[in-house]
Amino acid sequence: MSSNRISELTRSPLSFGDPDLLRIKQLEERASALRNSVICAFNQLLDLKDLNTGVHSTRLAEWGMRVGQELGLEEAELQNLEVAALLHDIGKVGIPDAILRKPGRLDPEEYALMKKHPEYGWAVLRMLPGFERAALDILHHHESFDGKGYPAGLKDTEIPVVSRIVCVIDAFDAMVSSRPYRVGLPHEEAIRRLIESSGTQFDPAVVQCFISFAQAEMATVFAAAGTSVSSAL
């Protein structure tokens, strides 16, 4: 079908009897289904690598969409936000298990390798049509608002807004979640640390938006992600 024909169809009154329109609708549905299948497949891959990572990503998607809506992101940005939140850790499939599951502080060499995971995630997702923007958002989700993050040292609004959102909610979830080598922080302390680092590590507007509902709705958000506050601690 020519681009002129598609343009004519989009300007014409909708006619469900038109075979070309039905064909376009079918193609759109197939593309959407394929996109969702790719996201689910990658999320399951994360679960195979580390079950906690998959659940963590689902919580981030719930929180991220709420923050994005509160900040007035457009629909395309919200779609990228959902993908970036779900798959922000996909690059960790390239990190050795000995580093990911090390029961203690990483040495400088190990930490340098761990810091590569946003680049690994970007390298994978950017190859998929329709995921290029989300791949870029994932690449920058460890940038800091003051420019001291990685991998590019971006600061302030140089950092994509989706990356700034994922940065805040990722840090919060990491703080409140228990790991084999440490116990998670109480929600109140995690929120205090977000506020303390607002303007340095984190975007102040994102922090303010997140904490405005995080405490009051924590149980609901965890439940929507298929878990509970107590099971995460």
Protein backbone atom coordinates (compact mmCIF):
# COMPACT_ATOMS: atom_id res chain seq x y z
CA MET A 1 0.00 0.00 0.00
CA SER A 2 1.41 3.39 -0.99
CA SER A 3 2.02 6.17 1.52
CA ASN A 4 -0.44 8.33 -0.45
CA ARG A 5 -3.14 5.71 -0.02
CA ILE A 6 -2.51 5.49 3.74
CA SER A 7 -2.68 9.28 3.95
CA GLU A 8 -6.01 9.28 2.09
CA LEU A 9 -7.40 6.65 4.45
CA THR A 10 -6.40 8.54 7.57
CA ARG A 11 -8.14 11.67 6.24
CA SER A 12 -11.29 9.82 5.14
CA PRO A 13 -14.30 9.04 7.35
CA LEU A 14 -13.84 5.67 9.05
CA SER A 15 -15.49 2.86 7.14
CA PHE A 16 -15.23 -0.54 8.79
CA GLY A 17 -16.15 -2.15 5.47
CA ASP A 18 -13.00 -0.82 3.81
CA PRO A 19 -10.56 -3.76 3.46
CA ASP A 20 -7.55 -1.43 3.53
CA LEU A 21 -8.60 0.01 6.89
CA LEU A 22 -9.16 -3.47 8.27
CA ARG A 23 -5.72 -4.48 7.05
CA ILE A 24 -4.13 -1.45 8.75
CA LYS A 25 -5.95 -2.28 11.97
CA GLN A 26 -4.73 -5.88 11.82
CA LEU A 27 -1.13 -4.76 11.22
CA GLU A 28 -1.31 -2.32 14.14
CA GLU A 29 -2.66 -5.04 16.43
CA ARG A 30 0.08 -7.46 15.37
CA ALA A 31 2.77 -4.83 15.92
CA SER A 32 1.39 -4.06 19.38
CA ALA A 33 1.20 -7.76 20.26
CA LEU A 34 4.77 -8.30 19.07
CA ARG A 35 6.00 -5.33 21.12
CA ASN A 36 4.29 -6.66 24.24
CA SER A 37 5.67 -10.14 23.64
CA VAL A 38 9.22 -8.79 23.34
CA ILE A 39 8.83 -6.88 26.61
CA CYS A 40 7.45 -9.94 28.40
CA ALA A 41 10.19 -12.16 27.00
CA PHE A 42 12.95 -9.82 28.19
CA ASN A 43 11.29 -9.50 31.59
CA GLN A 44 11.21 -13.30 31.93
CA LEU A 45 14.87 -13.35 30.95
CA LEU A 46 15.54 -11.03 33.86
CA ASP A 47 13.62 -13.40 36.14
CA LEU A 48 15.80 -16.29 34.99
CA LYS A 49 18.89 -14.25 35.83
CA ASP A 50 17.54 -13.11 39.19
CA LEU A 51 13.93 -13.48 40.35
CA ASN A 52 14.21 -10.39 42.56
CA THR A 53 15.19 -8.31 39.54
CA GLY A 54 12.00 -9.18 37.64
CA VAL A 55 9.71 -8.36 40.57
CA HIS A 56 11.69 -5.19 41.24
CA SER A 57 11.15 -4.09 37.63
CA THR A 58 7.40 -4.68 37.84
CA ARG A 59 7.16 -2.45 40.90
CA LEU A 60 9.16 0.22 39.09
CA ALA A 61 6.74 0.13 36.17
CA GLU A 62 3.79 0.69 38.53
CA TRP A 63 5.50 3.60 40.27
CA GLY A 64 6.99 5.06 37.12
CA MET A 65 3.69 5.27 35.27
CA ARG A 66 2.11 7.04 38.24
CA VAL A 67 4.94 9.59 38.42
CA GLY A 68 4.90 10.09 34.65
CA GLN A 69 1.17 10.75 34.64
CA GLU A 70 1.47 13.18 37.56
CA LEU A 71 4.23 15.05 35.70
CA GLY A 72 2.10 15.27 32.56
CA LEU A 73 4.19 13.14 30.22
CA GLU A 74 2.73 12.57 26.78
CA GLU A 75 1.49 9.15 25.75
CA ALA A 76 4.64 8.28 23.75
CA GLU A 77 6.83 9.17 26.73
CA LEU A 78 4.64 7.10 29.05
CA GLN A 79 5.04 4.10 26.76
CA ASN A 80 8.81 4.52 26.77
CA LEU A 81 8.72 4.98 30.55
CA GLU A 82 6.93 1.68 31.02
CA VAL A 83 9.49 -0.14 28.87
CA ALA A 84 12.45 1.60 30.52
CA ALA A 85 11.14 0.80 34.01
CA LEU A 86 10.50 -2.85 33.17
CA LEU A 87 13.76 -3.40 31.30
CA HIS A 88 16.19 -0.91 32.90
CA ASP A 89 18.26 -3.83 34.26
CA ILE A 90 18.25 -5.96 31.11
CA GLY A 91 21.97 -5.23 30.67
CA LYS A 92 22.68 -7.19 33.86
CA VAL A 93 22.34 -10.40 31.85
CA GLY A 94 25.86 -9.52 30.68
CA ILE A 95 27.23 -9.17 34.23
CA PRO A 96 28.78 -12.32 35.78
CA ASP A 97 26.71 -13.93 38.55
CA ALA A 98 29.73 -13.79 40.85
CA ILE A 99 29.45 -9.99 40.76
CA LEU A 100 25.66 -9.71 40.77
CA ARG A 101 25.30 -12.03 43.76
CA LYS A 102 28.42 -11.15 45.66
CA PRO A 103 27.50 -11.00 49.39
CA GLY A 104 29.45 -7.85 50.10
CA ARG A 105 30.95 -4.67 48.67
CA LEU A 106 32.29 -4.84 45.13
CA ASP A 107 35.94 -4.04 44.58
CA PRO A 108 36.79 -1.21 42.10
CA GLU A 109 37.22 -3.56 39.14
CA GLU A 110 33.94 -5.35 39.85
CA TYR A 111 32.11 -2.06 40.32
CA ALA A 112 33.48 -0.74 37.03
CA LEU A 113 32.05 -3.79 35.28
CA MET A 114 28.70 -3.47 37.08
CA LYS A 115 28.46 0.13 35.85
CA LYS A 116 28.46 -1.20 32.29
CA HIS A 117 24.94 -2.64 32.57
CA PRO A 118 23.13 0.48 31.24
CA GLU A 119 25.35 0.39 28.15
CA TYR A 120 24.72 -3.32 27.67
CA GLY A 121 20.97 -2.74 27.92
CA TRP A 122 21.13 0.09 25.40
CA ALA A 123 23.20 -2.00 23.00
CA VAL A 124 20.56 -4.75 22.99
CA LEU A 125 17.34 -2.71 22.85
CA ARG A 126 18.47 -0.14 20.31
CA MET A 127 18.59 -2.93 17.71
CA LEU A 128 14.82 -3.47 17.97
CA PRO A 129 12.56 -1.23 15.86
CA GLY A 130 10.34 0.86 18.13
CA PHE A 131 12.60 0.47 21.17
CA GLU A 132 15.26 3.01 20.24
CA ARG A 133 13.98 5.76 22.55
CA ALA A 134 13.48 3.41 25.50
CA ALA A 135 17.02 2.10 24.93
CA LEU A 136 18.37 5.65 25.27
CA ASP A 137 16.34 6.18 28.45
CA ILE A 138 17.81 2.97 29.88
CA LEU A 139 21.33 4.06 28.92
CA HIS A 140 21.01 7.16 31.13
CA HIS A 141 19.08 5.86 34.16
CA HIS A 142 22.19 6.08 36.37
CA GLU A 143 23.02 9.69 35.51
CA SER A 144 22.92 12.13 38.44
CA PHE A 145 21.16 15.48 38.45
CA ASP A 146 24.45 17.21 39.35
CA GLY A 147 26.35 15.56 36.49
CA LYS A 148 28.31 13.08 38.60
CA GLY A 149 26.56 9.94 37.39
CA TYR A 150 27.32 7.53 34.54
CA PRO A 151 27.89 6.64 31.75
CA ALA A 152 27.90 10.11 30.12
CA GLY A 153 28.00 12.54 33.05
CA LEU A 154 24.82 14.31 31.89
CA LYS A 155 23.18 16.75 34.28
CA ASP A 156 19.86 18.47 34.91
CA THR A 157 17.59 18.49 31.86
CA GLU A 158 20.34 16.98 29.68
CA ILE A 159 19.16 13.72 31.24
CA PRO A 160 16.00 12.39 29.57
CA VAL A 161 12.97 12.84 31.84
CA VAL A 162 12.20 9.11 31.69
CA SER A 163 15.74 8.35 32.88
CA ARG A 164 15.33 10.82 35.75
CA ILE A 165 12.12 9.11 36.84
CA VAL A 166 13.61 5.62 36.68
CA CYS A 167 16.65 6.84 38.63
CA VAL A 168 14.51 7.96 41.59
CA ILE A 169 12.19 4.97 41.81
CA ASP A 170 15.04 2.51 41.17
CA ALA A 171 17.04 3.98 44.05
CA PHE A 172 14.05 3.95 46.38
CA ASP A 173 13.17 0.33 45.63
CA ALA A 174 16.80 -0.71 46.09
CA MET A 175 16.88 1.00 49.49
CA VAL A 176 13.70 -0.60 50.87
CA SER A 177 14.34 -4.10 49.47
CA SER A 178 16.32 -6.65 51.47
CA ARG A 179 19.22 -8.53 49.90
CA PRO A 180 21.18 -11.58 51.13
CA TYR A 181 23.88 -9.25 52.44
CA ARG A 182 21.71 -6.50 54.00
CA VAL A 183 18.27 -5.66 55.36
CA GLY A 184 16.15 -3.09 53.54
CA LEU A 185 15.67 0.35 55.04
CA PRO A 186 12.35 1.51 56.54
CA HIS A 187 10.29 3.51 54.04
CA GLU A 188 10.65 6.67 56.12
CA GLU A 189 14.45 6.48 56.02
CA ALA A 190 14.48 5.77 52.28
CA ILE A 191 12.28 8.79 51.66
CA ARG A 192 14.53 10.92 53.88
CA ARG A 193 17.51 9.89 51.76
CA LEU A 194 15.68 10.74 48.55
CA ILE A 195 14.98 14.21 49.88
CA GLU A 196 18.55 14.58 51.13
CA SER A 197 19.92 13.77 47.67
CA SER A 198 17.33 15.86 45.84
CA GLY A 199 19.16 18.27 43.55
CA THR A 200 22.39 16.27 43.61
CA GLN A 201 21.69 12.67 42.64
CA PHE A 202 17.99 13.09 41.95
CA ASP A 203 15.70 15.47 40.06
CA PRO A 204 13.87 17.47 42.79
CA ALA A 205 10.61 17.59 40.80
CA VAL A 206 10.58 13.81 40.38
CA VAL A 207 11.39 13.23 44.06
CA GLN A 208 8.62 15.56 45.18
CA CYS A 209 6.11 13.91 42.87
CA PHE A 210 7.07 10.41 43.98
CA ILE A 211 7.03 11.03 47.73
CA SER A 212 3.67 12.80 47.45
CA PHE A 213 2.01 9.41 47.02
CA ALA A 214 4.66 6.80 47.81
CA GLN A 215 4.11 6.47 51.53
CA ALA A 216 0.33 6.61 51.53
CA GLU A 217 -0.07 4.19 48.64
CA MET A 218 2.88 1.86 49.21
CA ALA A 219 0.79 -1.20 50.07
CA THR A 220 -1.45 -0.67 47.03
CA VAL A 221 1.48 -0.27 44.65
CA PHE A 222 3.23 -3.39 45.93
CA ALA A 223 -0.01 -5.37 45.68
CA ALA A 224 -0.46 -4.25 42.07
CA ALA A 225 3.01 -5.65 41.39
CA GLY A 226 2.00 -9.02 42.80
CA THR A 227 3.79 -8.78 46.13
CA SER A 228 3.52 -6.90 49.40
CA VAL A 229 5.48 -4.40 51.45
CA SER A 230 6.35 -7.02 54.04
CA SER A 231 7.62 -9.53 51.47
CA ALA A 232 9.94 -6.90 50.00
CA LEU A 233 11.52 -6.10 53.34
